[in-house]
Amino acid sequence: MTVSTADFEFVRRLAQSVAGFLLEEGKEYLVETRLGPIAKAEGCSSVAELIGRLRWQNPPALVERVVEALTTNETLFFRDARPFEHLKRDIFPSLFSRNPGQPVRVWSAACSTGQEPYSIAMLLVEHLPLHASLVSIFATDLSHEVLERARAGRFYESEMQRGLSSEQRRRFFEPVGTESRLVPRIREMVEFRQLNLSTPLQNVPLFDVVFLRNVLIYFDLPGKRSVLNRIKNVMKPGAFLLLGSSETLLGIDDDFTALRDSGTTSYRLGSAASNPPPQPAPMPVPKAATSTKPPQLGNPAGPRKPKSLPPQVARLKDLQWPEWKRLDDPAKPPKKP
């Protein structure tokens, strides 16, 4: 039995007032499907009875469960690919070279079951290992249920086949029963927290990069502007914002400068004059990875070898890269022309 028009309108208003997103007209079937299991768990004979309880009793815990059930949690590893290529080739090199050795904070908003923030962590370890320890990844979602799954870092075979290469699956995952779990090194790089984008953001640090992908499409125009205003307040000047492939800030917010690199569009907070485009450039090796002491007199061998690998490199050795080259080997003399 499909929910009535009056019940559907009540649920639409409830979702918008609590979480800010607006259910499209004609989505009665989605309300019936998503709320059916909750109605059964609550001992209700139908979704209509559940909605009646929401109308007259309005229990906060039940309201939260219903709104969480109505949110869309579609995601996959390295979704759309190009934003991650942009992150690897343009954004991270720009941030690392602009402030060498300084921490970088990334926020994955509406992270669902964690594939997006974990993709960022894998990208860092795979392509920028010497800088991975400088990056903090903060991931949030409205739903407590999906965050519990995200923290566990466990995924089914059907989820593993979406966006990951066989080599990435081998390097970054370990089998656990019928599922696969991310190795501790990757799980520990991400901090998960429950957060509602439609409410004031409290105890949130300033970010260098914000992933807000496929989120704004669920808000009306005032809702989009409200979410963006909150997010701007926790972005550093010149910070990067990445949206979904079908999303744009055109006609919504003029405080960002549009960029187009690596086949995708991103935005930087501030005007074009204050934000020169990021330039892909070789990144300096962190000081801890090399020895800067001059050779000692009477020591023909040159600088002494460092006693141990830097911490951020030592932590990566358990991943057993086949192309690993020890940084504490003596440098070979250059060939004579």
C-alpha atoms as a PDB file:
ATOM      1  CA  MET A   1       0.000   0.000   0.000  1.00  0.00           C
ATOM      2  CA  THR A   2       1.474   3.334  -1.092  1.00  0.00           C
ATOM      3  CA  VAL A   3       1.576   6.163   1.443  1.00  0.00           C
ATOM      4  CA  SER A   4      -1.106   8.802   1.104  1.00  0.00           C
ATOM      5  CA  THR A   5      -0.427  12.247  -0.309  1.00  0.00           C
ATOM      6  CA  ALA A   6      -0.900  13.823   3.135  1.00  0.00           C
ATOM      7  CA  ASP A   7       1.536  11.373   4.764  1.00  0.00           C
ATOM      8  CA  PHE A   8       4.093  11.900   2.009  1.00  0.00           C
ATOM      9  CA  GLU A   9       3.916  15.691   2.413  1.00  0.00           C
ATOM     10  CA  PHE A  10       4.397  15.318   6.163  1.00  0.00           C
ATOM     11  CA  VAL A  11       7.485  13.150   5.645  1.00  0.00           C
ATOM     12  CA  ARG A  12       8.859  15.642   3.070  1.00  0.00           C
ATOM     13  CA  ARG A  13       8.507  18.523   5.538  1.00  0.00           C
ATOM     14  CA  LEU A  14      10.028  16.441   8.313  1.00  0.00           C
ATOM     15  CA  ALA A  15      13.112  15.548   6.247  1.00  0.00           C
ATOM     16  CA  GLN A  16      13.600  19.161   5.161  1.00  0.00           C
ATOM     17  CA  SER A  17      13.225  20.596   8.664  1.00  0.00           C
ATOM     18  CA  VAL A  18      15.582  18.054  10.277  1.00  0.00           C
ATOM     19  CA  ALA A  19      18.223  17.493   7.597  1.00  0.00           C
ATOM     20  CA  GLY A  20      17.588  20.173   4.988  1.00  0.00           C
ATOM     21  CA  PHE A  21      17.132  17.868   2.003  1.00  0.00           C
ATOM     22  CA  LEU A  22      13.944  17.795  -0.046  1.00  0.00           C
ATOM     23  CA  LEU A  23      12.324  14.596  -1.303  1.00  0.00           C
ATOM     24  CA  GLU A  24      11.207  14.973  -4.904  1.00  0.00           C
ATOM     25  CA  GLU A  25       7.551  14.648  -5.759  1.00  0.00           C
ATOM     26  CA  GLY A  26       6.552  11.168  -6.847  1.00  0.00           C
ATOM     27  CA  LYS A  27       8.904   9.469  -4.346  1.00  0.00           C
ATOM     28  CA  GLU A  28       6.096   7.857  -2.332  1.00  0.00           C
ATOM     29  CA  TYR A  29       7.477   4.426  -3.218  1.00  0.00           C
ATOM     30  CA  LEU A  30      10.843   5.398  -1.683  1.00  0.00           C
ATOM     31  CA  VAL A  31       9.157   6.389   1.599  1.00  0.00           C
ATOM     32  CA  GLU A  32       7.241   3.104   1.620  1.00  0.00           C
ATOM     33  CA  THR A  33      10.385   1.077   0.911  1.00  0.00           C
ATOM     34  CA  ARG A  34      12.743   2.863   3.316  1.00  0.00           C
ATOM     35  CA  LEU A  35      10.303   3.142   6.236  1.00  0.00           C
ATOM     36  CA  GLY A  36       8.820  -0.346   5.927  1.00  0.00           C
ATOM     37  CA  PRO A  37      11.573  -2.071   7.990  1.00  0.00           C
ATOM     38  CA  ILE A  38      11.340   0.637  10.681  1.00  0.00           C
ATOM     39  CA  ALA A  39       7.558   0.241  10.893  1.00  0.00           C
ATOM     40  CA  LYS A  40       7.970  -3.505  11.369  1.00  0.00           C
ATOM     41  CA  ALA A  41      10.665  -3.051  14.039  1.00  0.00           C
ATOM     42  CA  GLU A  42       8.426  -0.576  15.900  1.00  0.00           C
ATOM     43  CA  GLY A  43       5.487  -2.984  15.917  1.00  0.00           C
ATOM     44  CA  CYS A  44       3.431  -0.903  13.495  1.00  0.00           C
ATOM     45  CA  SER A  45       1.060  -2.652  11.081  1.00  0.00           C
ATOM     46  CA  SER A  46       1.957  -0.254   8.240  1.00  0.00           C
ATOM     47  CA  VAL A  47       4.068   2.713   7.250  1.00  0.00           C
ATOM     48  CA  ALA A  48       0.940   4.865   7.635  1.00  0.00           C
ATOM     49  CA  GLU A  49       0.728   3.853  11.315  1.00  0.00           C
ATOM     50  CA  LEU A  50       4.415   4.724  11.768  1.00  0.00           C
ATOM     51  CA  ILE A  51       3.882   8.150  10.215  1.00  0.00           C
ATOM     52  CA  GLY A  52       0.868   8.659  12.490  1.00  0.00           C
ATOM     53  CA  ARG A  53       3.106   8.019  15.491  1.00  0.00           C
ATOM     54  CA  LEU A  54       5.565  10.588  14.160  1.00  0.00           C
ATOM     55  CA  ARG A  55       2.752  13.119  13.782  1.00  0.00           C
ATOM     56  CA  TRP A  56       1.318  12.820  17.272  1.00  0.00           C
ATOM     57  CA  GLN A  57       4.182  11.625  19.481  1.00  0.00           C
ATOM     58  CA  ASN A  58       7.225  12.950  17.583  1.00  0.00           C
ATOM     59  CA  PRO A  59       9.796  10.846  19.553  1.00  0.00           C
ATOM     60  CA  PRO A  60      13.276  12.273  18.798  1.00  0.00           C
ATOM     61  CA  ALA A  61      15.003   8.883  18.425  1.00  0.00           C
ATOM     62  CA  LEU A  62      12.368   7.668  15.960  1.00  0.00           C
ATOM     63  CA  VAL A  63      12.504  10.934  13.993  1.00  0.00           C
ATOM     64  CA  GLU A  64      16.277  10.518  13.653  1.00  0.00           C
ATOM     65  CA  ARG A  65      15.940   6.905  12.433  1.00  0.00           C
ATOM     66  CA  VAL A  66      13.316   7.856   9.868  1.00  0.00           C
ATOM     67  CA  VAL A  67      15.308  10.794   8.468  1.00  0.00           C
ATOM     68  CA  GLU A  68      18.493   8.700   8.304  1.00  0.00           C
ATOM     69  CA  ALA A  69      16.592   5.972   6.421  1.00  0.00           C
ATOM     70  CA  LEU A  70      15.489   8.510   3.804  1.00  0.00           C
ATOM     71  CA  THR A  71      19.013   9.716   2.999  1.00  0.00           C
ATOM     72  CA  THR A  72      20.761   8.305  -0.063  1.00  0.00           C
ATOM     73  CA  ASN A  73      23.976   6.395   0.657  1.00  0.00           C
ATOM     74  CA  GLU A  74      25.101   5.494  -2.863  1.00  0.00           C
ATOM     75  CA  THR A  75      28.896   5.497  -3.079  1.00  0.00           C
ATOM     76  CA  LEU A  76      31.888   3.574  -4.381  1.00  0.00           C
ATOM     77  CA  PHE A  77      35.677   3.672  -4.265  1.00  0.00           C
ATOM     78  CA  PHE A  78      37.336   6.375  -6.428  1.00  0.00           C
ATOM     79  CA  ARG A  79      33.928   7.472  -7.707  1.00  0.00           C
ATOM     80  CA  ASP A  80      34.190   9.271 -11.079  1.00  0.00           C
ATOM     81  CA  ALA A  81      38.023   8.937 -10.921  1.00  0.00           C
ATOM     82  CA  ARG A  82      38.819  12.436 -12.282  1.00  0.00           C
ATOM     83  CA  PRO A  83      38.429  14.338  -8.982  1.00  0.00           C
ATOM     84  CA  PHE A  84      40.956  11.957  -7.422  1.00  0.00           C
ATOM     85  CA  GLU A  85      43.327  12.483 -10.336  1.00  0.00           C
ATOM     86  CA  HIS A  86      42.934  16.232  -9.786  1.00  0.00           C
ATOM     87  CA  LEU A  87      43.685  15.747  -6.098  1.00  0.00           C
ATOM     88  CA  LYS A  88      46.831  13.733  -6.882  1.00  0.00           C
ATOM     89  CA  ARG A  89      48.243  15.834  -9.738  1.00  0.00           C
ATOM     90  CA  ASP A  90      47.218  19.382  -8.824  1.00  0.00           C
ATOM     91  CA  ILE A  91      45.735  19.970  -5.375  1.00  0.00           C
ATOM     92  CA  PHE A  92      48.043  18.008  -3.091  1.00  0.00           C
ATOM     93  CA  PRO A  93      51.269  19.093  -4.883  1.00  0.00           C
ATOM     94  CA  SER A  94      50.120  22.713  -4.620  1.00  0.00           C
ATOM     95  CA  LEU A  95      49.393  22.414  -0.902  1.00  0.00           C
ATOM     96  CA  PHE A  96      52.592  20.530  -0.072  1.00  0.00           C
ATOM     97  CA  SER A  97      54.845  22.905  -2.004  1.00  0.00           C
ATOM     98  CA  ARG A  98      53.112  26.080  -0.764  1.00  0.00           C
ATOM     99  CA  ASN A  99      53.613  25.203   2.924  1.00  0.00           C
ATOM    100  CA  PRO A 100      56.317  22.524   3.141  1.00  0.00           C
ATOM    101  CA  GLY A 101      56.025  20.296   6.184  1.00  0.00           C
ATOM    102  CA  GLN A 102      52.725  21.856   7.339  1.00  0.00           C
ATOM    103  CA  PRO A 103      49.672  19.679   8.086  1.00  0.00           C
ATOM    104  CA  VAL A 104      46.894  19.453   5.510  1.00  0.00           C
ATOM    105  CA  ARG A 105      43.265  18.796   6.486  1.00  0.00           C
ATOM    106  CA  VAL A 106      40.741  17.151   4.160  1.00  0.00           C
ATOM    107  CA  TRP A 107      37.011  16.862   4.874  1.00  0.00           C
ATOM    108  CA  SER A 108      34.812  14.245   3.220  1.00  0.00           C
ATOM    109  CA  ALA A 109      31.268  15.491   3.903  1.00  0.00           C
ATOM    110  CA  ALA A 110      28.365  13.030   3.613  1.00  0.00           C
ATOM    111  CA  CYS A 111      30.884  10.193   3.428  1.00  0.00           C
ATOM    112  CA  SER A 112      28.323   7.369   3.687  1.00  0.00           C
ATOM    113  CA  THR A 113      30.032   3.990   4.317  1.00  0.00           C
ATOM    114  CA  GLY A 114      33.520   5.449   3.908  1.00  0.00           C
ATOM    115  CA  GLN A 115      34.618   4.650   0.373  1.00  0.00           C
ATOM    116  CA  GLU A 116      35.422   8.295  -0.428  1.00  0.00           C
ATOM    117  CA  PRO A 117      37.699   9.119   2.542  1.00  0.00           C
ATOM    118  CA  TYR A 118      39.365   5.711   2.325  1.00  0.00           C
ATOM    119  CA  SER A 119      40.020   6.341  -1.386  1.00  0.00           C
ATOM    120  CA  ILE A 120      41.808   9.580  -0.432  1.00  0.00           C
ATOM    121  CA  ALA A 121      43.890   7.686   2.137  1.00  0.00           C
ATOM    122  CA  MET A 122      44.861   4.988  -0.384  1.00  0.00           C
ATOM    123  CA  LEU A 123      45.755   7.645  -2.964  1.00  0.00           C
ATOM    124  CA  LEU A 124      48.140   9.294  -0.512  1.00  0.00           C
ATOM    125  CA  VAL A 125      49.866   6.083   0.545  1.00  0.00           C
ATOM    126  CA  GLU A 126      50.123   4.792  -3.016  1.00  0.00           C
ATOM    127  CA  HIS A 127      51.262   7.949  -4.809  1.00  0.00           C
ATOM    128  CA  LEU A 128      52.495  10.423  -2.160  1.00  0.00           C
ATOM    129  CA  PRO A 129      53.838   8.210   0.643  1.00  0.00           C
ATOM    130  CA  LEU A 130      56.365  10.684   2.042  1.00  0.00           C
ATOM    131  CA  HIS A 131      53.604  13.243   2.606  1.00  0.00           C
ATOM    132  CA  ALA A 132      50.838  10.906   3.775  1.00  0.00           C
ATOM    133  CA  SER A 133      51.551  11.510   7.451  1.00  0.00           C
ATOM    134  CA  LEU A 134      50.979  15.265   6.968  1.00  0.00           C
ATOM    135  CA  VAL A 135      47.336  14.765   5.940  1.00  0.00           C
ATOM    136  CA  SER A 136      44.398  14.450   8.337  1.00  0.00           C
ATOM    137  CA  ILE A 137      41.177  13.094   6.814  1.00  0.00           C
ATOM    138  CA  PHE A 138      37.927  14.062   8.551  1.00  0.00           C
ATOM    139  CA  ALA A 139      34.775  12.198   7.386  1.00  0.00           C
ATOM    140  CA  THR A 140      31.205  12.951   8.427  1.00  0.00           C
ATOM    141  CA  ASP A 141      27.679  11.771   7.717  1.00  0.00           C
ATOM    142  CA  LEU A 142      24.177  12.286   9.054  1.00  0.00           C
ATOM    143  CA  SER A 143      23.577   8.562   9.608  1.00  0.00           C
ATOM    144  CA  HIS A 144      24.975   6.784  12.675  1.00  0.00           C
ATOM    145  CA  GLU A 145      24.369   3.422  10.992  1.00  0.00           C
ATOM    146  CA  VAL A 146      26.524   4.045   7.932  1.00  0.00           C
ATOM    147  CA  LEU A 147      29.265   5.594  10.089  1.00  0.00           C
ATOM    148  CA  GLU A 148      29.515   2.396  12.125  1.00  0.00           C
ATOM    149  CA  ARG A 149      30.066   0.472   8.910  1.00  0.00           C
ATOM    150  CA  ALA A 150      32.592   3.042   7.732  1.00  0.00           C
ATOM    151  CA  ARG A 151      34.640   2.831  10.950  1.00  0.00           C
ATOM    152  CA  ALA A 152      34.811  -0.955  10.659  1.00  0.00           C
ATOM    153  CA  GLY A 153      36.380  -0.631   7.207  1.00  0.00           C
ATOM    154  CA  ARG A 154      34.754  -3.896   6.090  1.00  0.00           C
ATOM    155  CA  PHE A 155      33.253  -4.310   2.626  1.00  0.00           C
ATOM    156  CA  TYR A 156      31.397  -6.991   0.690  1.00  0.00           C
ATOM    157  CA  GLU A 157      32.698  -8.477  -2.540  1.00  0.00           C
ATOM    158  CA  SER A 158      30.176  -6.471  -4.591  1.00  0.00           C
ATOM    159  CA  GLU A 159      31.544  -3.245  -3.043  1.00  0.00           C
ATOM    160  CA  MET A 160      35.149  -4.307  -3.626  1.00  0.00           C
ATOM    161  CA  GLN A 161      34.530  -4.722  -7.344  1.00  0.00           C
ATOM    162  CA  ARG A 162      33.436  -1.094  -7.763  1.00  0.00           C
ATOM    163  CA  GLY A 163      36.327   1.293  -8.347  1.00  0.00           C
ATOM    164  CA  LEU A 164      39.274  -0.781  -7.080  1.00  0.00           C
ATOM    165  CA  SER A 165      41.962  -2.477  -9.152  1.00  0.00           C
ATOM    166  CA  SER A 166      43.058  -6.003  -8.291  1.00  0.00           C
ATOM    167  CA  GLU A 167      46.423  -4.585  -7.158  1.00  0.00           C
ATOM    168  CA  GLN A 168      44.742  -2.127  -4.776  1.00  0.00           C
ATOM    169  CA  ARG A 169      42.620  -4.915  -3.350  1.00  0.00           C
ATOM    170  CA  ARG A 170      45.728  -6.983  -2.741  1.00  0.00           C
ATOM    171  CA  ARG A 171      47.749  -4.188  -1.164  1.00  0.00           C
ATOM    172  CA  PHE A 172      45.150  -2.509   1.001  1.00  0.00           C
ATOM    173  CA  PHE A 173      42.722  -5.226   2.108  1.00  0.00           C
ATOM    174  CA  GLU A 174      42.740  -8.463   4.061  1.00  0.00           C
ATOM    175  CA  PRO A 175      40.041 -11.176   4.021  1.00  0.00           C
ATOM    176  CA  VAL A 176      37.763 -11.397   7.065  1.00  0.00           C
ATOM    177  CA  GLY A 177      35.148 -14.127   6.657  1.00  0.00           C
ATOM    178  CA  THR A 178      32.898 -13.254   3.730  1.00  0.00           C
ATOM    179  CA  GLU A 179      34.135  -9.649   3.675  1.00  0.00           C
ATOM    180  CA  SER A 180      37.393  -7.753   3.136  1.00  0.00           C
ATOM    181  CA  ARG A 181      38.794  -5.276   5.644  1.00  0.00           C
ATOM    182  CA  LEU A 182      41.105  -2.359   5.020  1.00  0.00           C
ATOM    183  CA  VAL A 183      44.546  -2.706   6.570  1.00  0.00           C
ATOM    184  CA  PRO A 184      45.016  -0.752   9.837  1.00  0.00           C
ATOM    185  CA  ARG A 185      47.346   1.799   8.190  1.00  0.00           C
ATOM    186  CA  ILE A 186      44.504   3.053   5.956  1.00  0.00           C
ATOM    187  CA  ARG A 187      41.742   2.856   8.584  1.00  0.00           C
ATOM    188  CA  GLU A 188      43.788   4.892  11.054  1.00  0.00           C
ATOM    189  CA  MET A 189      44.163   7.784   8.590  1.00  0.00           C
ATOM    190  CA  VAL A 190      40.434   8.631   8.722  1.00  0.00           C
ATOM    191  CA  GLU A 191      38.457  10.115  11.625  1.00  0.00           C
ATOM    192  CA  PHE A 192      34.683   9.584  11.390  1.00  0.00           C
ATOM    193  CA  ARG A 193      32.052  11.726  13.097  1.00  0.00           C
ATOM    194  CA  GLN A 194      28.294  12.240  12.930  1.00  0.00           C
ATOM    195  CA  LEU A 195      27.380  15.688  11.598  1.00  0.00           C
ATOM    196  CA  ASN A 196      24.290  17.361  10.170  1.00  0.00           C
ATOM    197  CA  LEU A 197      25.139  19.858   7.423  1.00  0.00           C
ATOM    198  CA  SER A 198      21.862  21.701   8.057  1.00  0.00           C
ATOM    199  CA  THR A 199      22.856  22.695  11.582  1.00  0.00           C
ATOM    200  CA  PRO A 200      25.693  24.935  12.875  1.00  0.00           C
ATOM    201  CA  LEU A 201      29.083  23.235  12.605  1.00  0.00           C
ATOM    202  CA  GLN A 202      30.635  22.967  16.058  1.00  0.00           C
ATOM    203  CA  ASN A 203      34.150  21.834  17.030  1.00  0.00           C
ATOM    204  CA  VAL A 204      35.148  21.554  13.377  1.00  0.00           C
ATOM    205  CA  PRO A 205      38.703  22.559  12.338  1.00  0.00           C
ATOM    206  CA  LEU A 206      39.666  24.642   9.308  1.00  0.00           C
ATOM    207  CA  PHE A 207      40.153  22.639   6.115  1.00  0.00           C
ATOM    208  CA  ASP A 208      42.405  22.866   3.062  1.00  0.00           C
ATOM    209  CA  VAL A 209      40.215  20.575   0.923  1.00  0.00           C
ATOM    210  CA  VAL A 210      36.490  19.793   1.163  1.00  0.00           C
ATOM    211  CA  PHE A 211      34.774  16.974  -0.721  1.00  0.00           C
ATOM    212  CA  LEU A 212      31.064  17.872  -0.944  1.00  0.00           C
ATOM    213  CA  ARG A 213      30.239  15.592  -3.821  1.00  0.00           C
ATOM    214  CA  ASN A 214      26.664  14.689  -4.810  1.00  0.00           C
ATOM    215  CA  VAL A 215      25.235  16.437  -1.748  1.00  0.00           C
ATOM    216  CA  LEU A 216      23.883  19.794  -2.934  1.00  0.00           C
ATOM    217  CA  ILE A 217      21.581  18.095  -5.466  1.00  0.00           C
ATOM    218  CA  TYR A 218      19.303  17.084  -2.564  1.00  0.00           C
ATOM    219  CA  PHE A 219      18.769  20.674  -1.376  1.00  0.00           C
ATOM    220  CA  ASP A 220      16.648  23.474  -2.783  1.00  0.00           C
ATOM    221  CA  LEU A 221      18.355  26.796  -3.611  1.00  0.00           C
ATOM    222  CA  PRO A 222      18.063  28.327  -0.109  1.00  0.00           C
ATOM    223  CA  GLY A 223      19.259  25.029   1.353  1.00  0.00           C
ATOM    224  CA  LYS A 224      22.286  24.951  -0.974  1.00  0.00           C
ATOM    225  CA  ARG A 225      23.290  28.466   0.028  1.00  0.00           C
ATOM    226  CA  SER A 226      22.821  27.716   3.703  1.00  0.00           C
ATOM    227  CA  VAL A 227      25.046  24.613   3.535  1.00  0.00           C
ATOM    228  CA  LEU A 228      27.727  26.469   1.558  1.00  0.00           C
ATOM    229  CA  ASN A 229      27.777  29.344   4.040  1.00  0.00           C
ATOM    230  CA  ARG A 230      28.422  26.918   6.901  1.00  0.00           C
ATOM    231  CA  ILE A 231      31.151  25.139   4.969  1.00  0.00           C
ATOM    232  CA  LYS A 232      32.892  28.387   3.962  1.00  0.00           C
ATOM    233  CA  ASN A 233      33.250  29.226   7.643  1.00  0.00           C
ATOM    234  CA  VAL A 234      35.467  26.161   8.169  1.00  0.00           C
ATOM    235  CA  MET A 235      37.575  26.537   5.004  1.00  0.00           C
ATOM    236  CA  LYS A 236      40.964  28.236   4.951  1.00  0.00           C
ATOM    237  CA  PRO A 237      41.456  31.112   2.468  1.00  0.00           C
ATOM    238  CA  GLY A 238      42.261  29.548  -0.882  1.00  0.00           C
ATOM    239  CA  ALA A 239      40.967  26.115   0.181  1.00  0.00           C
ATOM    240  CA  PHE A 240      39.645  23.747  -2.487  1.00  0.00           C
ATOM    241  CA  LEU A 241      36.035  22.554  -2.828  1.00  0.00           C
ATOM    242  CA  LEU A 242      35.087  19.549  -4.976  1.00  0.00           C
ATOM    243  CA  LEU A 243      31.464  18.864  -5.996  1.00  0.00           C
ATOM    244  CA  GLY A 244      29.754  16.061  -7.892  1.00  0.00           C
ATOM    245  CA  SER A 245      30.024  15.866 -11.678  1.00  0.00           C
ATOM    246  CA  SER A 246      26.476  17.230 -12.149  1.00  0.00           C
ATOM    247  CA  GLU A 247      26.783  20.007  -9.553  1.00  0.00           C
ATOM    248  CA  THR A 248      27.833  23.628  -9.977  1.00  0.00           C
ATOM    249  CA  LEU A 249      28.119  26.841  -7.957  1.00  0.00           C
ATOM    250  CA  LEU A 250      27.050  28.987 -10.929  1.00  0.00           C
ATOM    251  CA  GLY A 251      24.300  31.302  -9.760  1.00  0.00           C
ATOM    252  CA  ILE A 252      24.521  29.924  -6.213  1.00  0.00           C
ATOM    253  CA  ASP A 253      27.679  31.333  -4.596  1.00  0.00           C
ATOM    254  CA  ASP A 254      30.119  33.952  -5.920  1.00  0.00           C
ATOM    255  CA  ASP A 255      32.764  33.539  -3.208  1.00  0.00           C
ATOM    256  CA  PHE A 256      34.517  30.740  -5.094  1.00  0.00           C
ATOM    257  CA  THR A 257      36.767  30.694  -8.165  1.00  0.00           C
ATOM    258  CA  ALA A 258      36.140  27.871 -10.639  1.00  0.00           C
ATOM    259  CA  LEU A 259      39.170  25.834 -11.772  1.00  0.00           C
ATOM    260  CA  ARG A 260      39.440  23.161 -14.414  1.00  0.00           C
ATOM    261  CA  ASP A 261      42.322  20.717 -14.088  1.00  0.00           C
ATOM    262  CA  SER A 262      42.768  17.022 -14.877  1.00  0.00           C
ATOM    263  CA  GLY A 263      39.441  16.965 -16.732  1.00  0.00           C
ATOM    264  CA  THR A 264      37.274  18.082 -13.808  1.00  0.00           C
ATOM    265  CA  THR A 265      36.020  21.301 -12.217  1.00  0.00           C
ATOM    266  CA  SER A 266      36.851  22.317  -8.673  1.00  0.00           C
ATOM    267  CA  TYR A 267      36.514  25.579  -6.761  1.00  0.00           C
ATOM    268  CA  ARG A 268      38.794  27.678  -4.567  1.00  0.00           C
ATOM    269  CA  LEU A 269      37.569  29.956  -1.833  1.00  0.00           C
ATOM    270  CA  GLY A 270      38.395  33.542  -2.839  1.00  0.00           C
ATOM    271  CA  SER A 271      38.794  35.579  -6.007  1.00  0.00           C
ATOM    272  CA  ALA A 272      40.881  34.592  -9.015  1.00  0.00           C
ATOM    273  CA  ALA A 273      43.355  37.382  -8.206  1.00  0.00           C
ATOM    274  CA  SER A 274      44.090  35.935  -4.780  1.00  0.00           C
ATOM    275  CA  ASN A 275      44.131  32.327  -5.997  1.00  0.00           C
ATOM    276  CA  PRO A 276      46.645  31.538  -8.745  1.00  0.00           C
ATOM    277  CA  PRO A 277      45.872  28.156 -10.311  1.00  0.00           C
ATOM    278  CA  PRO A 278      47.686  25.187  -8.739  1.00  0.00           C
ATOM    279  CA  GLN A 279      50.787  24.189 -10.666  1.00  0.00           C
ATOM    280  CA  PRO A 280      51.809  20.529 -10.781  1.00  0.00           C
ATOM    281  CA  ALA A 281      55.389  20.563  -9.565  1.00  0.00           C
ATOM    282  CA  PRO A 282      57.886  18.174  -8.022  1.00  0.00           C
ATOM    283  CA  MET A 283      57.328  18.203  -4.290  1.00  0.00           C
ATOM    284  CA  PRO A 284      60.251  18.715  -1.918  1.00  0.00           C
ATOM    285  CA  VAL A 285      61.265  15.686   0.064  1.00  0.00           C
ATOM    286  CA  PRO A 286      60.483  16.210   3.777  1.00  0.00           C
ATOM    287  CA  LYS A 287      63.549  17.147   5.797  1.00  0.00           C
ATOM    288  CA  ALA A 288      63.318  14.001   7.861  1.00  0.00           C
ATOM    289  CA  ALA A 289      63.898  11.881   4.754  1.00  0.00           C
ATOM    290  CA  THR A 290      67.353  13.241   3.936  1.00  0.00           C
ATOM    291  CA  SER A 291      70.492  14.276   5.748  1.00  0.00           C
ATOM    292  CA  THR A 292      71.440  17.933   5.499  1.00  0.00           C
ATOM    293  CA  LYS A 293      74.641  17.752   7.556  1.00  0.00           C
ATOM    294  CA  PRO A 294      77.806  18.650   5.589  1.00  0.00           C
ATOM    295  CA  PRO A 295      80.467  15.970   5.188  1.00  0.00           C
ATOM    296  CA  GLN A 296      82.914  15.800   8.061  1.00  0.00           C
ATOM    297  CA  LEU A 297      86.576  16.557   7.369  1.00  0.00           C
ATOM    298  CA  GLY A 298      88.627  13.460   6.841  1.00  0.00           C
ATOM    299  CA  ASN A 299      85.555  11.394   5.978  1.00  0.00           C
ATOM    300  CA  PRO A 300      85.806  10.519   2.277  1.00  0.00           C
ATOM    301  CA  ALA A 301      82.535   8.614   2.430  1.00  0.00           C
ATOM    302  CA  GLY A 302      80.606  11.891   2.753  1.00  0.00           C
ATOM    303  CA  PRO A 303      77.552  12.351   4.996  1.00  0.00           C
ATOM    304  CA  ARG A 304      76.812   9.670   7.548  1.00  0.00           C
ATOM    305  CA  LYS A 305      73.891   7.389   6.901  1.00  0.00           C
ATOM    306  CA  PRO A 306      70.752   8.211   8.918  1.00  0.00           C
ATOM    307  CA  LYS A 307      70.278   5.813  11.821  1.00  0.00           C
ATOM    308  CA  SER A 308      66.720   4.935  10.810  1.00  0.00           C
ATOM    309  CA  LEU A 309      64.001   5.702   8.312  1.00  0.00           C
ATOM    310  CA  PRO A 310      61.752   8.692   9.083  1.00  0.00           C
ATOM    311  CA  PRO A 311      58.561   7.680  10.966  1.00  0.00           C
ATOM    312  CA  GLN A 312      56.187   8.374   8.084  1.00  0.00           C
ATOM    313  CA  VAL A 313      58.267   6.146   5.787  1.00  0.00           C
ATOM    314  CA  ALA A 314      58.859   3.405   8.353  1.00  0.00           C
ATOM    315  CA  ARG A 315      55.115   3.001   8.846  1.00  0.00           C
ATOM    316  CA  LEU A 316      54.665   2.252   5.143  1.00  0.00           C
ATOM    317  CA  LYS A 317      57.135  -0.624   4.974  1.00  0.00           C
ATOM    318  CA  ASP A 318      54.527  -3.153   6.159  1.00  0.00           C
ATOM    319  CA  LEU A 319      52.668  -2.643   2.853  1.00  0.00           C
ATOM    320  CA  GLN A 320      55.599  -4.354   1.055  1.00  0.00           C
ATOM    321  CA  TRP A 321      55.757  -2.288  -2.104  1.00  0.00           C
ATOM    322  CA  PRO A 322      57.521  -4.246  -4.846  1.00  0.00           C
ATOM    323  CA  GLU A 323      59.067  -1.014  -6.112  1.00  0.00           C
ATOM    324  CA  TRP A 324      60.336  -0.007  -2.657  1.00  0.00           C
ATOM    325  CA  LYS A 325      63.739   1.642  -2.611  1.00  0.00           C
ATOM    326  CA  ARG A 326      65.393   2.020   0.764  1.00  0.00           C
ATOM    327  CA  LEU A 327      66.155   5.617   1.586  1.00  0.00           C
ATOM    328  CA  ASP A 328      68.989   4.669   3.920  1.00  0.00           C
ATOM    329  CA  ASP A 329      71.115   3.087   1.157  1.00  0.00           C
ATOM    330  CA  PRO A 330      74.203   5.118   0.249  1.00  0.00           C
ATOM    331  CA  ALA A 331      73.661   7.243  -2.839  1.00  0.00           C
ATOM    332  CA  LYS A 332      75.359   5.931  -5.933  1.00  0.00           C
ATOM    333  CA  PRO A 333      77.922   8.300  -7.492  1.00  0.00           C
ATOM    334  CA  PRO A 334      76.720   9.856 -10.754  1.00  0.00           C
ATOM    335  CA  LYS A 335      77.974   8.319 -13.968  1.00  0.00           C
ATOM    336  CA  LYS A 336      80.739  10.178 -15.748  1.00  0.00           C
ATOM    337  CA  PRO A 337      79.697  11.604 -19.120  1.00  0.00           C
END
